[in-house]
Amino acid sequence: MSFLFLMSNAQAGADGTPPNPLMQLFPFALMFLILWFMIIRPQRKRQKEMEKMMSELKIHDQIVTTGGIYGTIVNIKKEKNIIVLRVDESTNAKIEIQRSSIAGVIKQEKEDEK
């Protein structure tokens, strides 16, 4: 009980004036800013980069899925959000995956390679 009394006296100030309400909110605002710059802002940046990569996918791009499957895009079914991958050159084995399961692009086909 005496600890709470001492804290309230310390916050009130030496001359007995009540503490400024804005100064009481300052630590919370500081914590929010730290959270914003350390976590939220970088996550949004990564999300925008991923959306850009997904929108730039083309046939003949080499990709890797979130499950670790490497393949080359042979068809894009935009209405169903499905990508057809060729995973084996010799047997021409193909699989269909969701667009959202792509982890990254390994190599994009350049215009002059066509």
N, C-alpha and C. Protein backbone atom coordinates (compact mmCIF):
# COMPACT_ATOMS: atom_id res chain seq x y z
N MET A 1 0.82 -1.18 0.00
CA MET A 1 0.00 0.00 0.00
C MET A 1 0.87 1.26 0.00
N SER A 2 1.93 1.23 0.77
CA SER A 2 2.79 2.40 0.85
C SER A 2 3.51 2.65 -0.47
N PHE A 3 3.80 1.57 -1.23
CA PHE A 3 4.44 1.72 -2.54
C PHE A 3 3.54 2.50 -3.49
N LEU A 4 2.25 2.19 -3.51
CA LEU A 4 1.31 2.91 -4.37
C LEU A 4 1.21 4.38 -3.97
N PHE A 5 1.24 4.63 -2.68
CA PHE A 5 1.19 6.00 -2.18
C PHE A 5 2.41 6.78 -2.64
N LEU A 6 3.59 6.15 -2.57
CA LEU A 6 4.82 6.81 -2.99
C LEU A 6 4.81 7.08 -4.50
N MET A 7 4.28 6.11 -5.29
CA MET A 7 4.23 6.28 -6.74
C MET A 7 3.29 7.42 -7.11
N SER A 8 2.15 7.50 -6.44
CA SER A 8 1.21 8.57 -6.77
C SER A 8 1.78 9.92 -6.38
N ASN A 9 2.54 9.99 -5.30
CA ASN A 9 3.18 11.25 -4.92
C ASN A 9 4.28 11.63 -5.91
N ALA A 10 5.02 10.62 -6.40
CA ALA A 10 6.09 10.90 -7.35
C ALA A 10 5.53 11.38 -8.68
N GLN A 11 4.40 10.82 -9.08
CA GLN A 11 3.79 11.24 -10.34
C GLN A 11 3.14 12.60 -10.23
N ALA A 12 2.63 12.93 -9.05
CA ALA A 12 1.94 14.19 -8.87
C ALA A 12 2.89 15.38 -8.92
N GLY A 13 4.13 15.15 -8.63
CA GLY A 13 5.09 16.24 -8.66
C GLY A 13 5.36 16.75 -7.25
N ALA A 14 6.41 17.53 -7.12
CA ALA A 14 6.82 17.99 -5.79
C ALA A 14 5.87 19.06 -5.26
N ASP A 15 5.26 19.84 -6.12
CA ASP A 15 4.42 20.92 -5.64
C ASP A 15 2.94 20.51 -5.52
N GLY A 16 2.63 19.24 -5.73
CA GLY A 16 1.27 18.75 -5.53
C GLY A 16 0.37 18.90 -6.74
N THR A 17 0.91 19.31 -7.90
CA THR A 17 0.08 19.42 -9.10
C THR A 17 -0.16 18.04 -9.70
N PRO A 18 -1.31 17.81 -10.31
CA PRO A 18 -1.57 16.50 -10.92
C PRO A 18 -0.70 16.30 -12.16
N PRO A 19 -0.38 15.06 -12.48
CA PRO A 19 0.49 14.80 -13.63
C PRO A 19 -0.24 15.13 -14.94
N ASN A 20 0.52 15.48 -15.93
CA ASN A 20 0.00 15.79 -17.25
C ASN A 20 -0.49 14.48 -17.91
N PRO A 21 -1.75 14.41 -18.39
CA PRO A 21 -2.24 13.18 -19.00
C PRO A 21 -1.47 12.80 -20.26
N LEU A 22 -0.97 13.78 -20.99
CA LEU A 22 -0.19 13.46 -22.18
C LEU A 22 1.12 12.77 -21.83
N MET A 23 1.71 13.16 -20.74
CA MET A 23 2.96 12.53 -20.32
C MET A 23 2.72 11.10 -19.87
N GLN A 24 1.53 10.79 -19.39
CA GLN A 24 1.22 9.41 -19.01
C GLN A 24 1.04 8.54 -20.24
N LEU A 25 0.62 9.12 -21.36
CA LEU A 25 0.44 8.36 -22.60
C LEU A 25 1.74 8.22 -23.39
N PHE A 26 2.74 9.00 -23.06
CA PHE A 26 4.00 8.99 -23.80
C PHE A 26 4.65 7.59 -23.87
N PRO A 27 4.75 6.83 -22.78
CA PRO A 27 5.37 5.50 -22.88
C PRO A 27 4.62 4.57 -23.82
N PHE A 28 3.28 4.65 -23.84
CA PHE A 28 2.49 3.80 -24.72
C PHE A 28 2.71 4.19 -26.18
N ALA A 29 2.78 5.48 -26.44
CA ALA A 29 3.03 5.95 -27.80
C ALA A 29 4.42 5.52 -28.26
N LEU A 30 5.38 5.59 -27.37
CA LEU A 30 6.74 5.16 -27.70
C LEU A 30 6.79 3.67 -28.00
N MET A 31 6.09 2.86 -27.21
CA MET A 31 6.05 1.41 -27.46
C MET A 31 5.39 1.12 -28.81
N PHE A 32 4.32 1.86 -29.14
CA PHE A 32 3.65 1.65 -30.43
C PHE A 32 4.57 1.99 -31.59
N LEU A 33 5.33 3.08 -31.48
CA LEU A 33 6.26 3.46 -32.55
C LEU A 33 7.35 2.41 -32.74
N ILE A 34 7.86 1.89 -31.64
CA ILE A 34 8.88 0.84 -31.73
C ILE A 34 8.29 -0.39 -32.40
N LEU A 35 7.09 -0.77 -32.00
CA LEU A 35 6.40 -1.92 -32.61
C LEU A 35 6.20 -1.69 -34.10
N TRP A 36 5.80 -0.49 -34.48
CA TRP A 36 5.55 -0.16 -35.88
C TRP A 36 6.82 -0.31 -36.73
N PHE A 37 7.92 0.28 -36.26
CA PHE A 37 9.14 0.26 -37.06
C PHE A 37 9.88 -1.07 -37.02
N MET A 38 9.69 -1.86 -35.99
CA MET A 38 10.40 -3.13 -35.87
C MET A 38 9.63 -4.30 -36.47
N ILE A 39 8.30 -4.27 -36.46
CA ILE A 39 7.53 -5.43 -36.87
C ILE A 39 6.56 -5.14 -38.02
N ILE A 40 5.68 -4.19 -37.85
CA ILE A 40 4.59 -3.98 -38.80
C ILE A 40 5.10 -3.46 -40.15
N ARG A 41 5.94 -2.45 -40.12
CA ARG A 41 6.42 -1.85 -41.37
C ARG A 41 7.22 -2.83 -42.23
N PRO A 42 8.18 -3.58 -41.68
CA PRO A 42 8.90 -4.55 -42.52
C PRO A 42 8.00 -5.66 -43.07
N GLN A 43 7.00 -6.07 -42.27
CA GLN A 43 6.09 -7.11 -42.74
C GLN A 43 5.27 -6.61 -43.93
N ARG A 44 4.81 -5.39 -43.89
CA ARG A 44 4.05 -4.82 -45.02
C ARG A 44 4.93 -4.71 -46.26
N LYS A 45 6.19 -4.37 -46.06
CA LYS A 45 7.11 -4.26 -47.19
C LYS A 45 7.31 -5.63 -47.84
N ARG A 46 7.50 -6.68 -47.03
CA ARG A 46 7.65 -8.03 -47.57
C ARG A 46 6.39 -8.48 -48.30
N GLN A 47 5.23 -8.13 -47.75
CA GLN A 47 3.97 -8.51 -48.37
C GLN A 47 3.80 -7.84 -49.74
N LYS A 48 4.16 -6.57 -49.85
CA LYS A 48 4.08 -5.87 -51.13
C LYS A 48 5.04 -6.47 -52.15
N GLU A 49 6.25 -6.84 -51.71
CA GLU A 49 7.21 -7.47 -52.61
C GLU A 49 6.69 -8.82 -53.11
N MET A 50 6.04 -9.59 -52.23
CA MET A 50 5.48 -10.89 -52.60
C MET A 50 4.33 -10.71 -53.60
N GLU A 51 3.47 -9.73 -53.38
CA GLU A 51 2.38 -9.46 -54.31
C GLU A 51 2.91 -9.04 -55.68
N LYS A 52 3.97 -8.25 -55.70
CA LYS A 52 4.58 -7.83 -56.96
C LYS A 52 5.16 -9.03 -57.69
N MET A 53 5.85 -9.92 -56.96
CA MET A 53 6.43 -11.10 -57.56
C MET A 53 5.34 -11.99 -58.14
N MET A 54 4.22 -12.16 -57.42
CA MET A 54 3.12 -13.00 -57.89
C MET A 54 2.49 -12.42 -59.16
N SER A 55 2.39 -11.11 -59.23
CA SER A 55 1.75 -10.50 -60.40
C SER A 55 2.66 -10.54 -61.63
N GLU A 56 3.96 -10.70 -61.43
CA GLU A 56 4.91 -10.72 -62.55
C GLU A 56 5.27 -12.12 -63.02
N LEU A 57 4.61 -13.16 -62.50
CA LEU A 57 4.90 -14.53 -62.93
C LEU A 57 4.54 -14.72 -64.39
N LYS A 58 5.42 -15.42 -65.12
CA LYS A 58 5.20 -15.69 -66.53
C LYS A 58 5.52 -17.16 -66.81
N ILE A 59 5.07 -17.61 -67.97
CA ILE A 59 5.42 -18.96 -68.41
C ILE A 59 6.93 -19.01 -68.63
N HIS A 60 7.55 -20.13 -68.29
CA HIS A 60 8.98 -20.42 -68.38
C HIS A 60 9.79 -19.84 -67.23
N ASP A 61 9.15 -19.22 -66.23
CA ASP A 61 9.87 -18.81 -65.03
C ASP A 61 10.14 -20.04 -64.18
N GLN A 62 11.32 -20.10 -63.58
CA GLN A 62 11.65 -21.20 -62.67
C GLN A 62 11.34 -20.73 -61.26
N ILE A 63 10.58 -21.55 -60.51
CA ILE A 63 10.13 -21.16 -59.18
C ILE A 63 10.39 -22.27 -58.19
N VAL A 64 10.23 -21.94 -56.91
CA VAL A 64 10.26 -22.92 -55.83
C VAL A 64 8.99 -22.70 -55.00
N THR A 65 8.37 -23.81 -54.59
CA THR A 65 7.15 -23.72 -53.80
C THR A 65 7.49 -23.70 -52.32
N THR A 66 6.48 -23.43 -51.50
CA THR A 66 6.70 -23.43 -50.05
C THR A 66 7.02 -24.83 -49.54
N GLY A 67 6.67 -25.86 -50.30
CA GLY A 67 6.99 -27.25 -49.93
C GLY A 67 8.35 -27.69 -50.41
N GLY A 68 9.08 -26.82 -51.12
CA GLY A 68 10.43 -27.13 -51.58
C GLY A 68 10.48 -27.78 -52.94
N ILE A 69 9.41 -27.72 -53.73
CA ILE A 69 9.38 -28.30 -55.07
C ILE A 69 9.87 -27.24 -56.06
N TYR A 70 10.85 -27.63 -56.88
CA TYR A 70 11.37 -26.75 -57.91
C TYR A 70 10.71 -27.12 -59.23
N GLY A 71 10.37 -26.12 -60.02
CA GLY A 71 9.76 -26.41 -61.31
C GLY A 71 9.73 -25.19 -62.20
N THR A 72 9.27 -25.42 -63.43
CA THR A 72 9.15 -24.37 -64.44
C THR A 72 7.68 -24.19 -64.78
N ILE A 73 7.24 -22.97 -64.81
CA ILE A 73 5.84 -22.69 -65.12
C ILE A 73 5.58 -22.99 -66.59
N VAL A 74 4.55 -23.84 -66.86
CA VAL A 74 4.18 -24.14 -68.24
C VAL A 74 2.79 -23.60 -68.58
N ASN A 75 1.98 -23.30 -67.56
CA ASN A 75 0.65 -22.75 -67.81
C ASN A 75 0.19 -22.00 -66.56
N ILE A 76 -0.58 -20.95 -66.78
CA ILE A 76 -1.15 -20.18 -65.68
C ILE A 76 -2.66 -20.12 -65.90
N LYS A 77 -3.42 -20.70 -64.98
CA LYS A 77 -4.88 -20.66 -65.06
C LYS A 77 -5.36 -19.56 -64.12
N LYS A 78 -5.50 -18.37 -64.66
CA LYS A 78 -5.80 -17.20 -63.83
C LYS A 78 -7.17 -17.26 -63.19
N GLU A 79 -8.17 -17.84 -63.88
CA GLU A 79 -9.51 -17.87 -63.31
C GLU A 79 -9.61 -18.75 -62.07
N LYS A 80 -8.74 -19.76 -61.97
CA LYS A 80 -8.77 -20.65 -60.79
C LYS A 80 -7.57 -20.41 -59.87
N ASN A 81 -6.70 -19.47 -60.24
CA ASN A 81 -5.52 -19.17 -59.43
C ASN A 81 -4.59 -20.38 -59.31
N ILE A 82 -4.45 -21.12 -60.39
CA ILE A 82 -3.64 -22.34 -60.42
C ILE A 82 -2.47 -22.16 -61.38
N ILE A 83 -1.33 -22.70 -60.99
CA ILE A 83 -0.12 -22.69 -61.81
C ILE A 83 0.22 -24.14 -62.13
N VAL A 84 0.54 -24.42 -63.40
CA VAL A 84 0.98 -25.75 -63.81
C VAL A 84 2.49 -25.72 -63.92
N LEU A 85 3.15 -26.62 -63.19
CA LEU A 85 4.61 -26.68 -63.17
C LEU A 85 5.11 -27.95 -63.84
N ARG A 86 6.20 -27.82 -64.60
CA ARG A 86 6.90 -29.00 -65.10
C ARG A 86 8.03 -29.25 -64.10
N VAL A 87 8.00 -30.41 -63.46
CA VAL A 87 8.98 -30.70 -62.43
C VAL A 87 10.08 -31.63 -62.90
N ASP A 88 9.89 -32.29 -64.05
CA ASP A 88 10.90 -33.19 -64.58
C ASP A 88 10.97 -33.03 -66.09
N GLU A 89 12.14 -32.69 -66.59
CA GLU A 89 12.31 -32.47 -68.02
C GLU A 89 12.23 -33.77 -68.81
N SER A 90 12.81 -34.84 -68.29
CA SER A 90 12.90 -36.07 -69.07
C SER A 90 11.55 -36.76 -69.24
N THR A 91 10.74 -36.78 -68.20
CA THR A 91 9.43 -37.45 -68.31
C THR A 91 8.30 -36.47 -68.55
N ASN A 92 8.62 -35.18 -68.57
CA ASN A 92 7.63 -34.13 -68.78
C ASN A 92 6.53 -34.19 -67.72
N ALA A 93 6.92 -34.51 -66.48
CA ALA A 93 5.96 -34.59 -65.38
C ALA A 93 5.51 -33.19 -64.97
N LYS A 94 4.19 -33.04 -64.82
CA LYS A 94 3.63 -31.73 -64.47
C LYS A 94 2.74 -31.87 -63.24
N ILE A 95 2.70 -30.81 -62.46
CA ILE A 95 1.80 -30.75 -61.31
C ILE A 95 1.10 -29.40 -61.31
N GLU A 96 -0.05 -29.36 -60.66
CA GLU A 96 -0.78 -28.11 -60.50
C GLU A 96 -0.67 -27.67 -59.05
N ILE A 97 -0.40 -26.39 -58.85
CA ILE A 97 -0.29 -25.84 -57.50
C ILE A 97 -1.09 -24.55 -57.42
N GLN A 98 -1.41 -24.16 -56.20
CA GLN A 98 -2.05 -22.87 -55.98
C GLN A 98 -1.00 -21.77 -56.14
N ARG A 99 -1.42 -20.66 -56.66
CA ARG A 99 -0.51 -19.52 -56.82
C ARG A 99 0.08 -19.09 -55.48
N SER A 100 -0.71 -19.20 -54.41
CA SER A 100 -0.25 -18.76 -53.09
C SER A 100 0.82 -19.65 -52.49
N SER A 101 1.05 -20.85 -53.07
CA SER A 101 2.06 -21.74 -52.51
C SER A 101 3.45 -21.51 -53.11
N ILE A 102 3.61 -20.46 -53.89
CA ILE A 102 4.92 -20.15 -54.47
C ILE A 102 5.73 -19.35 -53.45
N ALA A 103 6.93 -19.85 -53.17
CA ALA A 103 7.79 -19.18 -52.20
C ALA A 103 8.68 -18.14 -52.86
N GLY A 104 9.09 -18.39 -54.09
CA GLY A 104 9.95 -17.42 -54.75
C GLY A 104 10.28 -17.81 -56.17
N VAL A 105 10.78 -16.85 -56.92
CA VAL A 105 11.21 -17.07 -58.29
C VAL A 105 12.72 -17.26 -58.29
N ILE A 106 13.16 -18.34 -58.91
CA ILE A 106 14.60 -18.61 -58.98
C ILE A 106 15.21 -17.88 -60.17
N LYS A 107 14.55 -18.03 -61.32
CA LYS A 107 15.08 -17.42 -62.53
C LYS A 107 13.91 -17.03 -63.41
N GLN A 108 13.89 -15.77 -63.80
CA GLN A 108 12.85 -15.31 -64.71
C GLN A 108 13.37 -15.33 -66.13
N GLU A 109 12.49 -15.73 -67.04
CA GLU A 109 12.88 -15.73 -68.44
C GLU A 109 12.96 -14.29 -68.92
N LYS A 110 14.03 -13.98 -69.58
CA LYS A 110 14.19 -12.64 -70.13
C LYS A 110 13.57 -12.60 -71.52
N GLU A 111 13.20 -11.42 -71.97
CA GLU A 111 12.53 -11.26 -73.26
C GLU A 111 13.41 -11.76 -74.42
N ASP A 112 14.74 -11.57 -74.34
CA ASP A 112 15.61 -11.97 -75.43
C ASP A 112 15.88 -13.48 -75.45
N GLU A 113 15.53 -14.23 -74.38
CA GLU A 113 15.72 -15.68 -74.36
C GLU A 113 14.65 -16.39 -75.13
N LYS A 114 13.50 -15.74 -75.36
CA LYS A 114 12.41 -16.37 -76.10
C LYS A 114 12.83 -16.57 -77.50
